[in-house]
Amino acid sequence: MYEEIRDANGSFADLYATSREYALGGAYQAGSVKVRRLQHDTLGGGATIATANNPTASNRPELNWLGAAWPATIADRHFG
């Protein structure tokens, strides 16, 4: 997924209101185990300013997530 929102001047001055966002995820199943992974990047401009939502003027937070799921019982394997 890709999203880009610019302000009226065409820049990315506020990380959570005007920025570029990338998200990429995937899943893999081996037997009854499902593994999922997600990477999400938000990119602000070099001129990102401090706001109430971004008091430290961060301009590139990242989120990486990895998870696994498997059935807890035999019944879950057949119905879940």
Protein backbone atom coordinates (compact mmCIF):
# COMPACT_ATOMS: atom_id res chain seq x y z
CA MET A 1 0.00 0.00 0.00
CA TYR A 2 1.23 3.51 -0.73
CA GLU A 3 -0.32 6.83 0.27
CA GLU A 4 0.97 10.36 -0.17
CA ILE A 5 -0.65 13.49 1.25
CA ARG A 6 0.96 16.91 0.80
CA ASP A 7 0.06 20.25 2.36
CA ALA A 8 -0.99 23.34 0.38
CA ASN A 9 2.68 24.15 -0.31
CA GLY A 10 3.35 20.68 -1.71
CA SER A 11 5.52 19.59 1.21
CA PHE A 12 5.36 17.20 4.15
CA ALA A 13 5.45 19.57 7.15
CA ASP A 14 3.34 17.49 9.59
CA LEU A 15 4.20 13.79 9.91
CA TYR A 16 0.67 12.59 10.71
CA ALA A 17 -1.30 14.98 8.48
CA THR A 18 0.99 15.28 5.42
CA SER A 19 3.37 12.41 4.71
CA ARG A 20 4.17 9.37 2.60
CA GLU A 21 3.17 5.98 3.95
CA TYR A 22 4.26 2.56 2.76
CA ALA A 23 2.91 -0.75 4.05
CA LEU A 24 3.89 -4.22 2.98
CA GLY A 25 2.66 -7.44 4.53
CA GLY A 26 2.58 -11.11 3.87
CA ALA A 27 1.59 -14.46 5.28
CA TYR A 28 2.95 -17.99 5.05
CA GLN A 29 1.40 -21.22 6.22
CA ALA A 30 3.37 -24.37 7.06
CA GLY A 31 1.09 -27.15 8.19
CA SER A 32 -1.23 -25.72 10.82
CA VAL A 33 1.05 -22.76 11.70
CA LYS A 34 0.36 -19.40 10.05
CA VAL A 35 3.09 -16.74 10.12
CA ARG A 36 2.33 -13.10 9.30
CA ARG A 37 4.66 -10.14 8.84
CA LEU A 38 4.04 -6.41 8.31
CA GLN A 39 6.34 -3.45 7.72
CA HIS A 40 4.91 0.06 7.81
CA ASP A 41 6.95 3.23 7.21
CA THR A 42 5.74 6.82 7.46
CA LEU A 43 8.03 9.39 5.86
CA GLY A 44 7.81 13.07 6.62
CA GLY A 45 9.83 15.79 4.99
CA GLY A 46 13.06 17.23 6.30
CA ALA A 47 11.10 20.28 7.40
CA THR A 48 8.74 18.33 9.70
CA ILE A 49 7.69 20.58 12.56
CA ALA A 50 6.69 19.74 16.12
CA THR A 51 2.92 19.54 16.68
CA ALA A 52 0.63 18.25 19.42
CA ASN A 53 0.53 14.84 17.68
CA ASN A 54 4.30 14.82 17.01
CA PRO A 55 5.97 16.81 19.83
CA THR A 56 9.51 15.64 18.97
CA ALA A 57 9.21 16.44 15.23
CA SER A 58 9.99 12.84 14.26
CA ASN A 59 10.15 12.43 10.51
CA ARG A 60 10.40 8.65 10.02
CA PRO A 61 8.70 6.22 12.41
CA GLU A 62 8.72 2.53 11.46
CA LEU A 63 6.56 -0.38 12.56
CA ASN A 64 7.63 -3.98 12.04
CA TRP A 65 5.44 -6.82 13.20
CA LEU A 66 5.80 -10.60 13.12
CA GLY A 67 3.22 -13.02 14.47
CA ALA A 68 2.33 -16.68 14.41
CA ALA A 69 -0.92 -18.53 15.04
CA TRP A 70 -1.67 -22.22 15.44
CA PRO A 71 -4.66 -24.25 16.66
CA ALA A 72 -4.78 -24.83 20.42
CA THR A 73 -6.86 -28.02 20.18
CA ILE A 74 -7.78 -30.64 17.60
CA ALA A 75 -11.25 -29.04 17.30
CA ASP A 76 -9.65 -25.70 16.40
CA ARG A 77 -7.73 -27.38 13.57
CA HIS A 78 -10.98 -28.60 12.01
CA PHE A 79 -13.22 -25.60 12.68
CA GLY A 80 -10.93 -22.59 13.13
